C-alpha atoms as a PDB file:
ATOM      1  CA  UNK A   1     -20.289  -1.986 114.868  1.00  0.00           C
ATOM      2  CA  UNK A   2     -18.524  -4.881 116.570  1.00  0.00           C
ATOM      3  CA  UNK A   3     -16.511  -4.129 119.689  1.00  0.00           C
ATOM      4  CA  UNK A   4     -12.732  -4.013 119.303  1.00  0.00           C
ATOM      5  CA  UNK A   5     -12.178  -5.048 122.924  1.00  0.00           C
ATOM      6  CA  UNK A   6     -12.956  -8.665 122.163  1.00  0.00           C
ATOM      7  CA  UNK A   7     -12.682  -9.610 118.462  1.00  0.00           C
ATOM      8  CA  UNK A   8     -15.495 -11.748 117.147  1.00  0.00           C
ATOM      9  CA  UNK A   9     -14.870 -13.542 113.868  1.00  0.00           C
ATOM     10  CA  UNK A  10     -18.048 -14.639 112.114  1.00  0.00           C
ATOM     11  CA  UNK A  11     -17.777 -17.199 109.347  1.00  0.00           C
ATOM     12  CA  UNK A  12     -20.327 -19.496 107.771  1.00  0.00           C
ATOM     13  CA  UNK A  13     -19.558 -23.207 108.098  1.00  0.00           C
ATOM     14  CA  UNK A  14     -20.049 -25.514 105.123  1.00  0.00           C
ATOM     15  CA  UNK A  15     -23.664 -26.558 104.572  1.00  0.00           C
ATOM     16  CA  UNK A  16     -22.962 -30.073 105.822  1.00  0.00           C
ATOM     17  CA  UNK A  17     -21.687 -28.888 109.219  1.00  0.00           C
ATOM     18  CA  UNK A  18     -23.907 -28.196 112.201  1.00  0.00           C
ATOM     19  CA  UNK A  19     -24.275 -24.497 113.039  1.00  0.00           C
ATOM     20  CA  UNK A  20     -24.306 -22.983 116.507  1.00  0.00           C
ATOM     21  CA  UNK A  21     -27.301 -20.682 116.463  1.00  0.00           C
ATOM     22  CA  UNK A  22     -27.799 -17.655 118.697  1.00  0.00           C
ATOM     23  CA  UNK A  23     -31.064 -16.248 120.027  1.00  0.00           C
ATOM     24  CA  UNK A  24     -32.011 -12.625 120.646  1.00  0.00           C
ATOM     25  CA  UNK A  25     -31.410 -13.275 124.345  1.00  0.00           C
ATOM     26  CA  UNK A  26     -27.875 -14.493 123.522  1.00  0.00           C
ATOM     27  CA  UNK A  27     -27.198 -11.322 121.528  1.00  0.00           C
ATOM     28  CA  UNK A  28     -28.434  -9.139 124.392  1.00  0.00           C
ATOM     29  CA  UNK A  29     -26.150 -11.032 126.774  1.00  0.00           C
ATOM     30  CA  UNK A  30     -23.190 -10.468 124.424  1.00  0.00           C
ATOM     31  CA  UNK A  31     -23.969  -6.747 124.295  1.00  0.00           C
ATOM     32  CA  UNK A  32     -24.178  -6.632 128.114  1.00  0.00           C
ATOM     33  CA  UNK A  33     -20.825  -8.446 128.350  1.00  0.00           C
ATOM     34  CA  UNK A  34     -19.162  -6.056 125.884  1.00  0.00           C
ATOM     35  CA  UNK A  35     -18.626  -8.720 123.208  1.00  0.00           C
ATOM     36  CA  UNK A  36     -20.918  -6.812 120.852  1.00  0.00           C
ATOM     37  CA  UNK A  37     -21.167  -3.033 120.931  1.00  0.00           C
ATOM     38  CA  UNK A  38     -24.480  -1.626 122.147  1.00  0.00           C
ATOM     39  CA  UNK A  39     -26.258  -0.008 119.231  1.00  0.00           C
ATOM     40  CA  UNK A  40     -24.000  -1.892 116.811  1.00  0.00           C
ATOM     41  CA  UNK A  41     -25.017  -2.437 113.212  1.00  0.00           C
ATOM     42  CA  UNK A  42     -25.815  -6.131 112.888  1.00  0.00           C
ATOM     43  CA  UNK A  43     -28.771  -8.423 112.362  1.00  0.00           C
ATOM     44  CA  UNK A  44     -29.548 -11.927 113.596  1.00  0.00           C
ATOM     45  CA  UNK A  45     -30.688 -14.122 110.724  1.00  0.00           C
ATOM     46  CA  UNK A  46     -31.801 -17.597 111.712  1.00  0.00           C
ATOM     47  CA  UNK A  47     -29.288 -17.713 114.542  1.00  0.00           C
ATOM     48  CA  UNK A  48     -26.335 -16.163 112.690  1.00  0.00           C
ATOM     49  CA  UNK A  49     -25.012 -12.683 113.550  1.00  0.00           C
ATOM     50  CA  UNK A  50     -24.654 -10.769 110.283  1.00  0.00           C
ATOM     51  CA  UNK A  51     -22.889  -7.352 110.159  1.00  0.00           C
ATOM     52  CA  UNK A  52     -24.725  -4.589 108.288  1.00  0.00           C
ATOM     53  CA  UNK A  53     -23.121  -2.445 105.593  1.00  0.00           C
ATOM     54  CA  UNK A  54     -22.773   1.315 105.952  1.00  0.00           C
ATOM     55  CA  UNK A  55     -25.095   3.433 103.797  1.00  0.00           C
ATOM     56  CA  UNK A  56     -24.028   5.333 100.699  1.00  0.00           C
ATOM     57  CA  UNK A  57     -25.544   8.759  99.804  1.00  0.00           C
ATOM     58  CA  UNK A  58     -27.951   7.405  97.091  1.00  0.00           C
ATOM     59  CA  UNK A  59     -29.251   4.879  99.630  1.00  0.00           C
ATOM     60  CA  UNK A  60     -29.775   7.582 102.251  1.00  0.00           C
ATOM     61  CA  UNK A  61     -31.530   9.954  99.832  1.00  0.00           C
ATOM     62  CA  UNK A  62     -34.037   7.353  98.656  1.00  0.00           C
ATOM     63  CA  UNK A  63     -34.696   6.058 102.161  1.00  0.00           C
ATOM     64  CA  UNK A  64     -35.256   9.576 103.511  1.00  0.00           C
ATOM     65  CA  UNK A  65     -37.671  10.395 100.667  1.00  0.00           C
ATOM     66  CA  UNK A  66     -39.638   7.157 101.146  1.00  0.00           C
ATOM     67  CA  UNK A  67     -39.939   7.750 104.886  1.00  0.00           C
ATOM     68  CA  UNK A  68     -41.284  11.264 104.346  1.00  0.00           C
ATOM     69  CA  UNK A  69     -43.694  10.257 101.583  1.00  0.00           C
ATOM     70  CA  UNK A  70     -45.122   7.269 103.446  1.00  0.00           C
ATOM     71  CA  UNK A  71     -45.486   9.144 106.739  1.00  0.00           C
ATOM     72  CA  UNK A  72     -47.205  12.063 104.995  1.00  0.00           C
ATOM     73  CA  UNK A  73     -49.607   9.899 103.019  1.00  0.00           C
ATOM     74  CA  UNK A  74     -50.497   7.396 105.740  1.00  0.00           C
ATOM     75  CA  UNK A  75     -51.135  10.053 108.361  1.00  0.00           C
ATOM     76  CA  UNK A  76     -52.266   8.831 111.773  1.00  0.00           C
ATOM     77  CA  UNK A  77     -53.168   5.244 110.864  1.00  0.00           C
ATOM     78  CA  UNK A  78     -49.699   3.665 110.633  1.00  0.00           C
ATOM     79  CA  UNK A  79     -46.196   3.868 112.022  1.00  0.00           C
ATOM     80  CA  UNK A  80     -43.410   4.253 109.474  1.00  0.00           C
ATOM     81  CA  UNK A  81     -40.213   3.106 111.214  1.00  0.00           C
ATOM     82  CA  UNK A  82     -36.635   3.217 109.974  1.00  0.00           C
ATOM     83  CA  UNK A  83     -34.250   0.394 110.929  1.00  0.00           C
ATOM     84  CA  UNK A  84     -36.235  -0.936 113.908  1.00  0.00           C
ATOM     85  CA  UNK A  85     -35.361  -4.252 115.520  1.00  0.00           C
ATOM     86  CA  UNK A  86     -37.909  -6.359 113.640  1.00  0.00           C
ATOM     87  CA  UNK A  87     -38.341  -9.697 115.434  1.00  0.00           C
ATOM     88  CA  UNK A  88     -40.614 -11.363 112.821  1.00  0.00           C
ATOM     89  CA  UNK A  89     -41.769 -14.236 115.048  1.00  0.00           C
ATOM     90  CA  UNK A  90     -41.867 -12.316 118.337  1.00  0.00           C
ATOM     91  CA  UNK A  91     -39.184 -11.433 120.838  1.00  0.00           C
ATOM     92  CA  UNK A  92     -39.266 -14.438 123.151  1.00  0.00           C
ATOM     93  CA  UNK A  93     -36.675 -17.044 122.116  1.00  0.00           C
ATOM     94  CA  UNK A  94     -36.351 -15.382 118.701  1.00  0.00           C
ATOM     95  CA  UNK A  95     -33.504 -16.562 116.472  1.00  0.00           C
ATOM     96  CA  UNK A  96     -33.928 -13.759 113.941  1.00  0.00           C
ATOM     97  CA  UNK A  97     -34.207 -10.015 113.950  1.00  0.00           C
ATOM     98  CA  UNK A  98     -33.502  -7.640 111.129  1.00  0.00           C
ATOM     99  CA  UNK A  99     -33.204  -3.872 110.861  1.00  0.00           C
ATOM    100  CA  UNK A 100     -35.069  -3.095 107.622  1.00  0.00           C
ATOM    101  CA  UNK A 101     -34.764   0.338 106.088  1.00  0.00           C
ATOM    102  CA  UNK A 102     -38.524   0.868 106.353  1.00  0.00           C
ATOM    103  CA  UNK A 103     -41.297  -1.029 108.142  1.00  0.00           C
ATOM    104  CA  UNK A 104     -44.937   0.101 107.974  1.00  0.00           C
ATOM    105  CA  UNK A 105     -47.414  -1.292 110.486  1.00  0.00           C
ATOM    106  CA  UNK A 106     -50.726  -0.258 112.125  1.00  0.00           C
ATOM    107  CA  UNK A 107     -50.618   2.261 114.981  1.00  0.00           C
ATOM    108  CA  UNK A 108     -52.063  -0.052 117.668  1.00  0.00           C
ATOM    109  CA  UNK A 109     -48.869  -2.156 117.592  1.00  0.00           C
ATOM    110  CA  UNK A 110     -45.744  -1.402 119.600  1.00  0.00           C
ATOM    111  CA  UNK A 111     -42.496  -1.985 117.638  1.00  0.00           C
ATOM    112  CA  UNK A 112     -41.412  -5.081 119.565  1.00  0.00           C
ATOM    113  CA  UNK A 113     -44.832  -6.730 119.104  1.00  0.00           C
ATOM    114  CA  UNK A 114     -44.979  -6.537 115.297  1.00  0.00           C
ATOM    115  CA  UNK A 115     -44.796  -9.982 113.684  1.00  0.00           C
ATOM    116  CA  UNK A 116     -44.038 -10.670 110.038  1.00  0.00           C
ATOM    117  CA  UNK A 117     -47.705 -11.034 109.127  1.00  0.00           C
ATOM    118  CA  UNK A 118     -48.561  -7.752 110.927  1.00  0.00           C
ATOM    119  CA  UNK A 119     -46.253  -5.744 108.678  1.00  0.00           C
ATOM    120  CA  UNK A 120     -48.169  -3.901 105.935  1.00  0.00           C
ATOM    121  CA  UNK A 121     -45.086  -2.929 103.915  1.00  0.00           C
ATOM    122  CA  UNK A 122     -41.381  -3.657 104.297  1.00  0.00           C
ATOM    123  CA  UNK A 123     -38.741  -1.939 102.152  1.00  0.00           C
ATOM    124  CA  UNK A 124     -35.026  -2.567 101.865  1.00  0.00           C
ATOM    125  CA  UNK A 125     -33.126   0.118  99.960  1.00  0.00           C
ATOM    126  CA  UNK A 126     -30.271  -1.783  98.385  1.00  0.00           C
ATOM    127  CA  UNK A 127     -26.983  -0.578  96.918  1.00  0.00           C
ATOM    128  CA  UNK A 128     -24.337  -3.081  98.064  1.00  0.00           C
ATOM    129  CA  UNK A 129     -26.605  -5.738  99.596  1.00  0.00           C
ATOM    130  CA  UNK A 130     -28.785  -6.848  96.663  1.00  0.00           C
ATOM    131  CA  UNK A 131     -27.789 -10.497  96.945  1.00  0.00           C
ATOM    132  CA  UNK A 132     -28.675 -10.708 100.643  1.00  0.00           C
ATOM    133  CA  UNK A 133     -31.827  -8.581 100.349  1.00  0.00           C
ATOM    134  CA  UNK A 134     -33.227 -10.543  97.404  1.00  0.00           C
ATOM    135  CA  UNK A 135     -31.973 -13.922  98.617  1.00  0.00           C
ATOM    136  CA  UNK A 136     -31.580 -14.827 102.259  1.00  0.00           C
ATOM    137  CA  UNK A 137     -33.651 -11.976 103.674  1.00  0.00           C
ATOM    138  CA  UNK A 138     -36.416 -12.464 101.114  1.00  0.00           C
ATOM    139  CA  UNK A 139     -36.688 -16.140 102.123  1.00  0.00           C
ATOM    140  CA  UNK A 140     -36.761 -15.130 105.799  1.00  0.00           C
ATOM    141  CA  UNK A 141     -39.472 -12.513 105.266  1.00  0.00           C
ATOM    142  CA  UNK A 142     -41.580 -14.926 103.198  1.00  0.00           C
ATOM    143  CA  UNK A 143     -41.245 -17.619 105.855  1.00  0.00           C
ATOM    144  CA  UNK A 144     -42.654 -15.184 108.427  1.00  0.00           C
ATOM    145  CA  UNK A 145     -45.532 -13.987 106.257  1.00  0.00           C
ATOM    146  CA  UNK A 146     -44.427 -10.508 105.168  1.00  0.00           C
ATOM    147  CA  UNK A 147     -46.971  -9.968 102.398  1.00  0.00           C
ATOM    148  CA  UNK A 148     -45.474  -6.907 100.670  1.00  0.00           C
ATOM    149  CA  UNK A 149     -41.657  -6.795 100.534  1.00  0.00           C
ATOM    150  CA  UNK A 150     -39.820  -4.352  98.265  1.00  0.00           C
ATOM    151  CA  UNK A 151     -36.139  -4.215  97.401  1.00  0.00           C
ATOM    152  CA  UNK A 152     -35.358  -0.810  95.870  1.00  0.00           C
ATOM    153  CA  UNK A 153     -32.092  -1.349  93.986  1.00  0.00           C
ATOM    154  CA  UNK A 154     -30.483   2.092  93.645  1.00  0.00           C
ATOM    155  CA  UNK A 155     -27.812   0.838  91.223  1.00  0.00           C
ATOM    156  CA  UNK A 156     -30.171  -0.872  88.769  1.00  0.00           C
ATOM    157  CA  UNK A 157     -32.919   1.736  89.447  1.00  0.00           C
ATOM    158  CA  UNK A 158     -35.478  -1.040  89.762  1.00  0.00           C
ATOM    159  CA  UNK A 159     -37.794  -1.980  92.626  1.00  0.00           C
ATOM    160  CA  UNK A 160     -38.330  -5.712  93.090  1.00  0.00           C
ATOM    161  CA  UNK A 161     -41.795  -6.226  94.582  1.00  0.00           C
ATOM    162  CA  UNK A 162     -42.244  -9.547  96.399  1.00  0.00           C
ATOM    163  CA  UNK A 163     -45.748 -10.752  97.304  1.00  0.00           C
ATOM    164  CA  UNK A 164     -47.654 -13.971  98.043  1.00  0.00           C
ATOM    165  CA  UNK A 165     -45.238 -15.339 100.663  1.00  0.00           C
ATOM    166  CA  UNK A 166     -44.891 -19.075 101.212  1.00  0.00           C
ATOM    167  CA  UNK A 167     -42.810 -21.083 103.673  1.00  0.00           C
ATOM    168  CA  UNK A 168     -40.126 -21.653 101.025  1.00  0.00           C
ATOM    169  CA  UNK A 169     -39.994 -18.083  99.662  1.00  0.00           C
ATOM    170  CA  UNK A 170     -41.748 -15.707  97.287  1.00  0.00           C
ATOM    171  CA  UNK A 171     -42.641 -16.278  93.645  1.00  0.00           C
ATOM    172  CA  UNK A 172     -40.506 -14.283  91.162  1.00  0.00           C
ATOM    173  CA  UNK A 173     -40.883 -10.574  91.985  1.00  0.00           C
ATOM    174  CA  UNK A 174     -42.458  -7.891  89.844  1.00  0.00           C
ATOM    175  CA  UNK A 175     -39.754  -5.531  88.555  1.00  0.00           C
ATOM    176  CA  UNK A 176     -40.768  -1.858  88.517  1.00  0.00           C
ATOM    177  CA  UNK A 177     -38.344   0.718  87.063  1.00  0.00           C
ATOM    178  CA  UNK A 178     -37.745   3.788  89.242  1.00  0.00           C
ATOM    179  CA  UNK A 179     -39.355   5.944  86.515  1.00  0.00           C
ATOM    180  CA  UNK A 180     -42.670   4.052  86.975  1.00  0.00           C
ATOM    181  CA  UNK A 181     -44.903   4.452  90.033  1.00  0.00           C
ATOM    182  CA  UNK A 182     -45.347   1.554  92.446  1.00  0.00           C
ATOM    183  CA  UNK A 183     -48.213   1.137  94.903  1.00  0.00           C
ATOM    184  CA  UNK A 184     -48.182  -0.829  98.173  1.00  0.00           C
ATOM    185  CA  UNK A 185     -50.474  -3.841  98.207  1.00  0.00           C
ATOM    186  CA  UNK A 186     -52.659  -2.501 101.043  1.00  0.00           C
ATOM    187  CA  UNK A 187     -52.484   1.150  99.979  1.00  0.00           C
ATOM    188  CA  UNK A 188     -53.231   1.134  96.235  1.00  0.00           C
ATOM    189  CA  UNK A 189     -53.986   4.872  96.191  1.00  0.00           C
ATOM    190  CA  UNK A 190     -50.397   5.684  97.177  1.00  0.00           C
ATOM    191  CA  UNK A 191     -48.125   6.058  94.159  1.00  0.00           C
ATOM    192  CA  UNK A 192     -44.384   6.028  94.803  1.00  0.00           C
ATOM    193  CA  UNK A 193     -42.135   6.954  91.894  1.00  0.00           C
ATOM    194  CA  UNK A 194     -38.602   6.328  93.106  1.00  0.00           C
ATOM    195  CA  UNK A 195     -37.151   8.593  90.413  1.00  0.00           C
ATOM    196  CA  UNK A 196     -38.790  11.541  92.217  1.00  0.00           C
ATOM    197  CA  UNK A 197     -36.442  11.172  95.186  1.00  0.00           C
ATOM    198  CA  UNK A 198     -34.224  14.317  95.267  1.00  0.00           C
END
């Protein structure tokens, strides 16, 4: 949440205008100065501060179920984090960090050290943010080598599975209805049927 003590208006300039990009260090300085609220809900996407939407009950139910299922099935080999600060290219001089709904990565890594290519599965549960999750964020995750990126669309009841990242994005995703099981790329024995979420 943005601080009300010093209003900050964030708009996107036209594509032909130069943008003033922030770094993670800039964002931390703004939090320390009280310009941004500590613990606020925002992401930094290629230098632009982007507010995050609040979660609706269907979003929360599916996210909670996925967290429990993945943690139970992966056991002691992987961390299953919810909304971590995911720096993608590393913390130092980073111009992007996101707070994905779910990030799965091997236990030897600490959260701040996980790069895009180190992530074994990344899931965004989407109800009001489909355009951003399947557009701008998908391009960002592909650019940083996230090899298995899912967007679980609770309104359409379809999971969009993005794989084979390239510098300019992912190929068209596989669309898996919630009533059909989906398996992570690196964990093919795990079957996740989104329709089973209570």
